[in-house]
Protein backbone atom coordinates (compact mmCIF):
# COMPACT_ATOMS: atom_id res chain seq x y z
CA UNK A 1 -150.91 24.30 36.42
CA UNK A 2 -147.31 24.82 37.53
CA UNK A 3 -145.99 21.63 35.96
CA UNK A 4 -147.71 22.36 32.65
CA UNK A 5 -146.37 25.91 32.65
CA UNK A 6 -142.82 24.82 33.46
CA UNK A 7 -143.09 22.29 30.62
CA UNK A 8 -143.59 25.15 28.15
CA UNK A 9 -140.06 26.44 28.68
CA UNK A 10 -137.05 24.92 26.92
CA UNK A 11 -134.77 25.47 29.90
CA UNK A 12 -135.64 24.76 33.49
CA UNK A 13 -136.68 27.80 35.51
CA UNK A 14 -134.58 27.96 38.65
CA UNK A 15 -137.21 29.34 41.04
CA UNK A 16 -139.01 27.78 43.97
CA UNK A 17 -142.56 26.72 43.33
CA UNK A 18 -143.96 29.69 45.26
CA UNK A 19 -141.77 32.28 43.50
CA UNK A 20 -142.42 30.76 40.08
CA UNK A 21 -146.21 30.76 40.52
CA UNK A 22 -146.15 34.33 41.85
CA UNK A 23 -144.05 35.47 38.88
CA UNK A 24 -146.46 33.85 36.41
CA UNK A 25 -149.48 35.32 38.19
CA UNK A 26 -148.00 38.83 38.22
CA UNK A 27 -147.03 38.60 34.54
CA UNK A 28 -150.45 37.30 33.45
CA UNK A 29 -152.25 39.90 35.58
CA UNK A 30 -150.16 42.66 34.06
CA UNK A 31 -150.98 41.50 30.52
CA UNK A 32 -154.72 41.39 31.20
CA UNK A 33 -154.75 44.77 32.94
CA UNK A 34 -152.70 46.31 30.16
CA UNK A 35 -154.91 44.87 27.41
CA UNK A 36 -158.11 46.00 29.14
CA UNK A 37 -156.83 49.51 29.76
CA UNK A 38 -155.62 49.71 26.19
CA UNK A 39 -158.95 48.54 24.76
CA UNK A 40 -161.09 50.86 26.89
CA UNK A 41 -159.38 54.17 26.13
CA UNK A 42 -160.17 56.62 23.35
CA UNK A 43 -156.45 57.04 22.78
CA UNK A 44 -154.95 53.59 23.28
CA UNK A 45 -151.81 53.19 25.32
CA UNK A 46 -150.05 51.86 22.25
CA UNK A 47 -149.32 55.48 21.25
CA UNK A 48 -147.42 56.18 24.47
CA UNK A 49 -143.61 56.03 24.18
CA UNK A 50 -143.29 53.51 27.02
CA UNK A 51 -146.04 51.35 25.51
CA UNK A 52 -143.81 50.51 22.53
CA UNK A 53 -141.27 49.09 24.96
CA UNK A 54 -144.01 46.99 26.59
CA UNK A 55 -145.11 45.64 23.21
CA UNK A 56 -141.55 44.69 22.30
CA UNK A 57 -141.11 43.07 25.69
CA UNK A 58 -144.30 41.02 25.23
CA UNK A 59 -143.00 39.48 22.01
CA UNK A 60 -139.46 38.69 23.12
CA UNK A 61 -138.98 34.96 22.84
CA UNK A 62 -137.50 34.70 26.33
CA UNK A 63 -140.54 36.48 27.84
CA UNK A 64 -143.26 34.23 26.46
CA UNK A 65 -146.02 33.46 28.91
CA UNK A 66 -148.12 30.47 27.81
CA UNK A 67 -151.42 31.74 26.41
CA UNK A 68 -153.41 29.15 28.35
CA UNK A 69 -152.24 30.79 31.59
CA UNK A 70 -153.60 34.19 30.56
CA UNK A 71 -156.77 32.47 29.35
CA UNK A 72 -157.27 30.75 32.71
CA UNK A 73 -156.74 33.98 34.65
CA UNK A 74 -159.09 35.78 32.27
CA UNK A 75 -161.81 33.23 33.02
CA UNK A 76 -161.24 33.52 36.77
CA UNK A 77 -161.10 37.31 36.83
CA UNK A 78 -163.98 37.96 34.45
CA UNK A 79 -166.46 35.09 34.72
CA UNK A 80 -169.15 37.03 32.87
CA UNK A 81 -166.71 37.57 29.98
CA UNK A 82 -165.12 34.16 30.25
CA UNK A 83 -165.13 33.16 26.63
CA UNK A 84 -161.88 32.40 24.89
CA UNK A 85 -162.84 34.66 21.99
CA UNK A 86 -162.91 37.70 24.29
CA UNK A 87 -159.26 37.26 25.26
CA UNK A 88 -158.34 36.36 21.72
CA UNK A 89 -160.09 39.53 20.51
CA UNK A 90 -158.13 41.63 23.04
CA UNK A 91 -154.89 40.04 21.85
CA UNK A 92 -155.71 40.59 18.19
CA UNK A 93 -156.68 44.19 18.89
CA UNK A 94 -153.49 44.89 20.81
CA UNK A 95 -151.18 43.39 18.17
CA UNK A 96 -153.26 44.67 15.22
CA UNK A 97 -150.34 46.49 13.58
CA UNK A 98 -148.67 43.10 13.01
CA UNK A 99 -151.84 41.63 11.50
CA UNK A 100 -151.00 42.55 7.91
CA UNK A 101 -153.51 40.06 6.48
CA UNK A 102 -156.36 41.35 8.68
CA UNK A 103 -156.95 37.87 10.09
CA UNK A 104 -160.00 37.76 12.35
CA UNK A 105 -160.06 35.94 15.69
CA UNK A 106 -161.45 32.45 15.18
CA UNK A 107 -162.24 29.79 17.80
CA UNK A 108 -160.02 27.29 15.95
CA UNK A 109 -156.96 29.52 16.28
CA UNK A 110 -154.61 27.89 18.77
CA UNK A 111 -152.06 30.28 20.21
CA UNK A 112 -149.14 29.13 22.31
CA UNK A 113 -147.94 32.64 23.28
CA UNK A 114 -147.74 36.14 21.79
CA UNK A 115 -144.79 35.38 19.51
CA UNK A 116 -146.87 32.51 18.13
CA UNK A 117 -149.74 34.96 17.55
CA UNK A 118 -147.42 37.14 15.45
CA UNK A 119 -146.39 34.03 13.49
CA UNK A 120 -150.09 33.31 12.92
CA UNK A 121 -150.47 36.77 11.41
CA UNK A 122 -147.70 36.00 8.91
CA UNK A 123 -148.87 32.64 7.56
CA UNK A 124 -151.67 32.39 5.00
CA UNK A 125 -155.08 31.39 6.35
CA UNK A 126 -155.99 27.70 5.91
CA UNK A 127 -158.40 28.41 3.04
CA UNK A 128 -155.62 30.12 1.06
CA UNK A 129 -153.20 27.28 1.82
CA UNK A 130 -155.72 24.82 0.47
CA UNK A 131 -155.98 26.87 -2.73
CA UNK A 132 -152.20 26.87 -3.19
CA UNK A 133 -152.06 23.11 -2.59
CA UNK A 134 -154.75 22.59 -5.22
CA UNK A 135 -152.76 24.71 -7.68
CA UNK A 136 -149.68 22.56 -7.12
CA UNK A 137 -151.67 19.34 -7.45
CA UNK A 138 -153.57 20.37 -10.60
């Protein structure tokens, strides 16, 4: 997947193949571990002072890890939970404070990375867009 991953970045990443793949694997593993720990605790990690810094780091444009990479690792690490909706649900739960429209995870939601997920939270759902278009056309 290295070539596909490198293709997701606007600028070329000046790392050897081995170092690049290791960096991606470590980053994706961290995200999954963090999301799972956060979702399994009575008091989520989001309330911890350092957790706010992690959240901000995850949405920085220059730190975007392609979602399909995390999805692939999720399927490899948790074959019994290997549905896309499970990872999507974890992502929605983690970034819930940005989900001002209370959008629910849906199989048709295509997410490029976490910043794209936050963008998804800000745009009207397709059914509301269709209603606005009908209003303009009527």
